[in-house]
Amino acid sequence: MAVLKTLLFKVAPWLLGVYLLAMIVLYFKQTSFLFHPKRSPNHIRYDFHNNYEEIYVPTAHGEDSLHTVLFKTNRHSKGVIFFLHGNMRSMERWGKLSEVFNPMGYDFWVVDYRGYGKSEGKLSGEEQLHDDMERVFHVVRERYGDKITLMGFSIGTGPTARLGSEYDIQQMILMAPYFSVRQLVQERVPLAPAFLVKFPLKTYEWLPKVKAPILIIHGDKDKVIPFRHGVELSRLLKPGDRFIRIPGQGHHEMLKNKKVVEAIRDFLDVQPINDLNHT
């Protein structure tokens, strides 16, 4: 027993040092863990099949600008889908989703976060991210009023839910959402203190405040944001909202799944009543 106590006494400071070092790395490097920006030259011309308009939105104090692209449908527009994308890739990839939504009769507006694509600057914290998205949203609202469908994928679902909780919109769609990024981080790093998470992104706080119809879609084979996060959020939905499980679907390439596209099309065209599915 004495030998064991001596060993623990010697090892404990080393373990504590390793733990503290790991927490320091987590705190200072977490933005790069959560966001993987891909820059594009400002002169690049995209090879989108749809006509598009590039619109730059200044950030607070005008120190940087956010690059956004608006794709107009060639049909009578039912409104605009304002899309907040995931943590990887940039406009070159996400803009191609307009080929899914323009034929549905919706304009499609995409924004790149700071450091992505042609957007300037660097992400540093949650409030900065929210402020950026709110500034772009105001530009969108100047053109479309409340004829706005908010859509978020992955990391973009939290800021999407926050916007939906604060403004009048037509409807909101969340694909592969998280209950909160804080919970997601603590599932991966169980000993990480909650206060170290710079982007807590508490989707569960904003979702119940959204008055517009909501659709949540989540693949049950998602290994990035586990399906249980979608299930937990579905319990916060109001009557008339929808939660749809996509069997066999992982985290990526969701819009290549016909069931996902069909679910979105049905939701946009026909608003359901009392059709809440927790399966």
Protein backbone atom coordinates (compact mmCIF):
# COMPACT_ATOMS: atom_id res chain seq x y z
CA MET A 1 0.00 0.00 0.00
CA ALA A 2 2.84 2.37 0.87
CA VAL A 3 4.45 1.69 -2.50
CA LEU A 4 1.16 2.46 -4.26
CA LYS A 5 0.76 5.74 -2.39
CA THR A 6 4.30 6.72 -3.28
CA LEU A 7 3.69 5.90 -6.94
CA LEU A 8 0.47 7.92 -7.01
CA PHE A 9 2.22 10.82 -5.32
CA LYS A 10 4.85 10.82 -8.04
CA VAL A 11 2.47 10.27 -10.98
CA ALA A 12 -0.32 12.67 -9.93
CA PRO A 13 1.61 15.90 -10.69
CA TRP A 14 2.58 14.52 -14.10
CA LEU A 15 -1.03 13.61 -14.90
CA LEU A 16 -2.21 17.02 -13.69
CA GLY A 17 0.37 18.69 -15.91
CA VAL A 18 -0.74 16.68 -18.94
CA TYR A 19 -4.37 17.55 -18.21
CA LEU A 20 -3.66 21.27 -17.86
CA LEU A 21 -1.60 21.27 -21.04
CA ALA A 22 -4.42 19.51 -22.90
CA MET A 23 -6.96 22.08 -21.65
CA ILE A 24 -4.69 24.97 -22.69
CA VAL A 25 -4.38 23.48 -26.17
CA LEU A 26 -8.15 22.97 -26.31
CA TYR A 27 -8.83 26.58 -25.34
CA PHE A 28 -6.41 28.23 -27.74
CA LYS A 29 -6.80 25.80 -30.65
CA GLN A 30 -10.51 25.02 -30.51
CA THR A 31 -11.43 27.47 -33.27
CA SER A 32 -9.16 25.55 -35.64
CA PHE A 33 -10.68 22.28 -34.36
CA LEU A 34 -14.23 23.49 -35.07
CA PHE A 35 -13.67 25.48 -38.26
CA HIS A 36 -11.62 24.43 -41.28
CA PRO A 37 -11.68 27.43 -43.62
CA LYS A 38 -10.62 27.20 -47.24
CA ARG A 39 -9.58 30.50 -48.79
CA SER A 40 -10.18 31.44 -52.43
CA PRO A 41 -8.47 34.16 -54.49
CA ASN A 42 -10.64 37.28 -54.74
CA HIS A 43 -10.36 37.23 -58.53
CA ILE A 44 -11.70 33.69 -58.90
CA ARG A 45 -14.73 33.21 -61.15
CA TYR A 46 -17.01 30.35 -60.22
CA ASP A 47 -18.26 27.74 -62.67
CA PHE A 48 -21.82 27.71 -61.31
CA HIS A 49 -24.48 26.73 -63.82
CA ASN A 50 -26.95 29.24 -62.37
CA ASN A 51 -26.68 33.01 -62.69
CA TYR A 52 -25.35 34.56 -59.52
CA GLU A 53 -24.66 37.90 -57.88
CA GLU A 54 -21.74 38.40 -55.49
CA ILE A 55 -22.54 40.68 -52.55
CA TYR A 56 -20.06 41.80 -49.91
CA VAL A 57 -21.27 42.69 -46.41
CA PRO A 58 -19.02 44.67 -44.05
CA THR A 59 -18.44 43.30 -40.55
CA ALA A 60 -18.60 45.40 -37.38
CA HIS A 61 -16.46 48.55 -37.66
CA GLY A 62 -15.95 47.69 -41.34
CA GLU A 63 -12.59 46.04 -40.74
CA ASP A 64 -13.44 43.01 -42.88
CA SER A 65 -16.08 42.00 -45.41
CA LEU A 66 -18.13 38.83 -45.71
CA HIS A 67 -18.56 37.33 -49.17
CA THR A 68 -22.06 36.18 -50.05
CA VAL A 69 -23.62 34.91 -53.27
CA LEU A 70 -27.26 35.15 -54.33
CA PHE A 71 -28.61 32.65 -56.87
CA LYS A 72 -31.92 33.67 -58.45
CA THR A 73 -34.50 31.15 -59.56
CA ASN A 74 -35.75 31.46 -63.13
CA ARG A 75 -39.26 30.78 -61.87
CA HIS A 76 -41.62 33.03 -59.95
CA SER A 77 -39.76 33.35 -56.64
CA LYS A 78 -41.46 32.04 -53.50
CA GLY A 79 -38.81 33.77 -51.39
CA VAL A 80 -35.20 33.12 -50.50
CA ILE A 81 -33.37 30.33 -48.68
CA PHE A 82 -30.60 31.86 -46.56
CA PHE A 83 -28.06 29.08 -46.05
CA LEU A 84 -25.42 28.77 -43.32
CA HIS A 85 -23.04 25.99 -44.29
CA GLY A 86 -20.85 23.50 -42.44
CA ASN A 87 -17.32 23.94 -41.11
CA MET A 88 -15.51 22.68 -44.21
CA ARG A 89 -15.15 23.94 -47.77
CA SER A 90 -16.42 27.27 -49.05
CA MET A 91 -18.54 28.96 -51.69
CA GLU A 92 -17.11 26.90 -54.57
CA ARG A 93 -18.75 23.83 -53.02
CA TRP A 94 -21.79 25.21 -51.20
CA GLY A 95 -22.94 27.46 -54.01
CA LYS A 96 -23.65 24.39 -56.14
CA LEU A 97 -26.55 23.58 -53.84
CA SER A 98 -28.46 26.29 -55.69
CA GLU A 99 -29.01 23.64 -58.36
CA VAL A 100 -31.19 21.83 -55.81
CA PHE A 101 -33.24 24.78 -54.57
CA ASN A 102 -33.59 27.17 -57.52
CA PRO A 103 -35.73 24.61 -59.43
CA MET A 104 -38.05 24.52 -56.39
CA GLY A 105 -38.84 28.19 -57.02
CA TYR A 106 -36.60 29.64 -54.30
CA ASP A 107 -33.71 32.05 -54.57
CA PHE A 108 -30.67 30.74 -52.71
CA TRP A 109 -28.34 32.99 -50.70
CA VAL A 110 -25.09 31.62 -49.25
CA VAL A 111 -22.58 33.29 -46.94
CA ASP A 112 -18.99 32.28 -46.24
CA TYR A 113 -17.81 32.72 -42.65
CA ARG A 114 -14.71 34.78 -41.90
CA GLY A 115 -11.65 33.18 -43.44
CA TYR A 116 -13.69 31.04 -45.86
CA GLY A 117 -13.62 31.61 -49.62
CA LYS A 118 -13.41 35.34 -50.34
CA SER A 119 -14.54 36.39 -46.85
CA GLU A 120 -11.91 38.32 -44.93
CA GLY A 121 -10.78 38.10 -41.33
CA LYS A 122 -10.65 35.30 -38.81
CA LEU A 123 -13.22 33.73 -36.49
CA SER A 124 -12.51 34.27 -32.80
CA GLY A 125 -15.69 33.62 -30.80
CA GLU A 126 -19.41 32.96 -30.78
CA GLU A 127 -20.69 36.53 -30.44
CA GLN A 128 -18.54 37.61 -33.38
CA LEU A 129 -20.03 34.78 -35.47
CA HIS A 130 -23.59 35.73 -34.50
CA ASP A 131 -22.96 39.40 -35.23
CA ASP A 132 -21.60 38.53 -38.68
CA MET A 133 -24.58 36.36 -39.56
CA GLU A 134 -27.02 38.95 -38.27
CA ARG A 135 -25.44 41.64 -40.45
CA VAL A 136 -25.82 39.46 -43.53
CA PHE A 137 -29.37 38.57 -42.51
CA HIS A 138 -30.31 42.26 -42.43
CA VAL A 139 -29.07 42.63 -46.01
CA VAL A 140 -31.16 39.60 -47.01
CA ARG A 141 -34.20 41.03 -45.23
CA GLU A 142 -33.85 44.36 -47.02
CA ARG A 143 -34.58 42.51 -50.27
CA TYR A 144 -37.01 39.84 -49.14
CA GLY A 145 -38.77 41.11 -46.02
CA ASP A 146 -40.02 38.12 -44.06
CA LYS A 147 -40.10 35.82 -47.12
CA ILE A 148 -37.00 34.12 -45.80
CA THR A 149 -36.40 30.43 -45.19
CA LEU A 150 -33.47 29.88 -42.85
CA MET A 151 -31.43 26.74 -43.53
CA GLY A 152 -28.40 25.53 -41.60
CA PHE A 153 -26.18 22.49 -41.93
CA SER A 154 -23.88 21.10 -39.23
CA ILE A 155 -21.99 23.97 -37.52
CA GLY A 156 -24.37 26.40 -39.24
CA THR A 157 -27.45 25.07 -37.44
CA GLY A 158 -26.78 26.92 -34.17
CA PRO A 159 -26.51 30.42 -35.68
CA THR A 160 -29.49 29.57 -37.89
CA ALA A 161 -31.61 28.69 -34.85
CA ARG A 162 -30.58 31.90 -33.11
CA LEU A 163 -31.63 34.01 -36.09
CA GLY A 164 -34.93 32.12 -36.25
CA SER A 165 -35.57 32.82 -32.57
CA GLU A 166 -35.10 36.58 -33.00
CA TYR A 167 -36.74 37.41 -36.35
CA ASP A 168 -39.92 36.73 -38.29
CA ILE A 169 -39.25 34.22 -41.07
CA GLN A 170 -41.26 31.86 -43.28
CA GLN A 171 -39.74 28.62 -42.00
CA MET A 172 -36.51 27.03 -40.81
CA ILE A 173 -34.64 23.87 -41.79
CA LEU A 174 -31.84 22.32 -39.73
CA MET A 175 -29.78 19.48 -41.20
CA ALA A 176 -27.56 17.41 -38.89
CA PRO A 177 -27.91 19.82 -35.94
CA TYR A 178 -26.28 19.65 -32.52
CA PHE A 179 -28.01 20.09 -29.17
CA SER A 180 -25.10 22.40 -28.37
CA VAL A 181 -21.46 22.53 -29.41
CA ARG A 182 -20.59 22.60 -25.72
CA GLN A 183 -22.26 19.21 -25.27
CA LEU A 184 -20.61 17.91 -28.44
CA VAL A 185 -17.16 18.95 -27.19
CA GLN A 186 -17.73 17.44 -23.76
CA GLU A 187 -18.81 14.17 -25.34
CA ARG A 188 -15.49 14.07 -27.17
CA VAL A 189 -13.43 15.46 -24.25
CA PRO A 190 -15.37 14.44 -21.11
CA LEU A 191 -13.02 16.21 -18.68
CA ALA A 192 -13.15 19.56 -20.48
CA PRO A 193 -14.72 22.29 -18.31
CA ALA A 194 -17.74 23.92 -19.94
CA PHE A 195 -16.34 27.44 -19.54
CA LEU A 196 -13.43 26.64 -21.88
CA VAL A 197 -15.71 26.27 -24.91
CA LYS A 198 -15.58 29.51 -26.94
CA PHE A 199 -18.46 28.45 -29.20
CA PRO A 200 -21.06 26.88 -26.86
CA LEU A 201 -23.78 27.44 -29.53
CA LYS A 202 -26.76 26.37 -27.44
CA THR A 203 -29.27 25.38 -30.11
CA TYR A 204 -31.56 23.97 -27.41
CA GLU A 205 -32.06 27.47 -25.98
CA TRP A 206 -33.09 29.07 -29.27
CA LEU A 207 -35.20 26.34 -30.85
CA PRO A 208 -38.26 26.70 -28.56
CA LYS A 209 -38.37 30.44 -29.34
CA VAL A 210 -38.76 29.96 -33.09
CA LYS A 211 -42.36 30.76 -34.06
CA ALA A 212 -42.05 29.69 -37.70
CA PRO A 213 -42.47 26.06 -38.86
CA ILE A 214 -39.33 23.95 -38.32
CA LEU A 215 -37.95 20.90 -40.10
CA ILE A 216 -35.09 18.92 -38.57
CA ILE A 217 -33.40 16.24 -40.69
CA HIS A 218 -30.75 13.92 -39.28
CA GLY A 219 -29.07 10.77 -40.56
CA ASP A 220 -29.02 7.89 -38.09
CA LYS A 221 -25.46 6.94 -39.13
CA ASP A 222 -23.99 10.39 -38.48
CA LYS A 223 -20.59 9.95 -36.81
CA VAL A 224 -19.74 13.67 -36.65
CA ILE A 225 -22.84 14.96 -34.88
CA PRO A 226 -24.56 11.87 -33.46
CA PHE A 227 -28.20 11.25 -34.32
CA ARG A 228 -29.14 11.54 -30.64
CA HIS A 229 -28.56 15.30 -30.85
CA GLY A 230 -31.35 15.56 -33.39
CA VAL A 231 -33.58 13.37 -31.22
CA GLU A 232 -32.98 15.59 -28.18
CA LEU A 233 -33.80 18.71 -30.19
CA SER A 234 -36.95 17.10 -31.62
CA ARG A 235 -38.39 16.97 -28.11
CA LEU A 236 -38.33 20.78 -28.07
CA LEU A 237 -40.36 21.17 -31.26
CA LYS A 238 -43.85 22.60 -31.22
CA PRO A 239 -46.91 20.88 -32.77
CA GLY A 240 -46.72 21.06 -36.56
CA ASP A 241 -42.94 20.95 -36.73
CA ARG A 242 -41.18 17.95 -38.23
CA PHE A 243 -38.29 15.72 -37.26
CA ILE A 244 -37.25 13.26 -39.95
CA ARG A 245 -34.83 10.41 -39.50
CA ILE A 246 -32.91 9.37 -42.61
CA PRO A 247 -31.96 5.68 -42.32
CA GLY A 248 -28.36 4.89 -43.25
CA GLN A 249 -27.41 8.54 -43.84
CA GLY A 250 -24.09 9.83 -42.51
CA HIS A 251 -23.07 13.42 -41.92
CA HIS A 252 -21.80 14.43 -45.34
CA GLU A 253 -23.46 14.77 -48.75
CA MET A 254 -26.95 14.84 -47.25
CA LEU A 255 -28.45 16.62 -50.24
CA LYS A 256 -27.36 13.80 -52.52
CA ASN A 257 -29.87 11.63 -50.70
CA LYS A 258 -33.22 11.73 -52.52
CA LYS A 259 -35.10 11.22 -49.26
CA VAL A 260 -33.56 14.38 -47.84
CA VAL A 261 -34.44 16.43 -50.92
CA GLU A 262 -37.99 15.03 -50.96
CA ALA A 263 -38.46 15.87 -47.27
CA ILE A 264 -37.34 19.45 -47.86
CA ARG A 265 -39.48 19.84 -50.96
CA ASP A 266 -42.56 18.58 -49.12
CA PHE A 267 -41.87 20.89 -46.19
CA LEU A 268 -41.41 23.96 -48.36
CA ASP A 269 -44.47 23.33 -50.51
CA VAL A 270 -46.95 21.94 -47.98
CA GLN A 271 -46.74 22.91 -44.33
CA PRO A 272 -47.65 19.87 -42.18
CA ILE A 273 -50.06 19.96 -39.27
CA ASN A 274 -49.53 17.85 -36.15
CA ASP A 275 -46.92 15.68 -37.83
CA LEU A 276 -44.19 15.43 -35.23
CA ASN A 277 -42.15 12.25 -35.54
CA HIS A 278 -39.72 11.29 -32.77
CA THR A 279 -38.57 8.01 -34.30
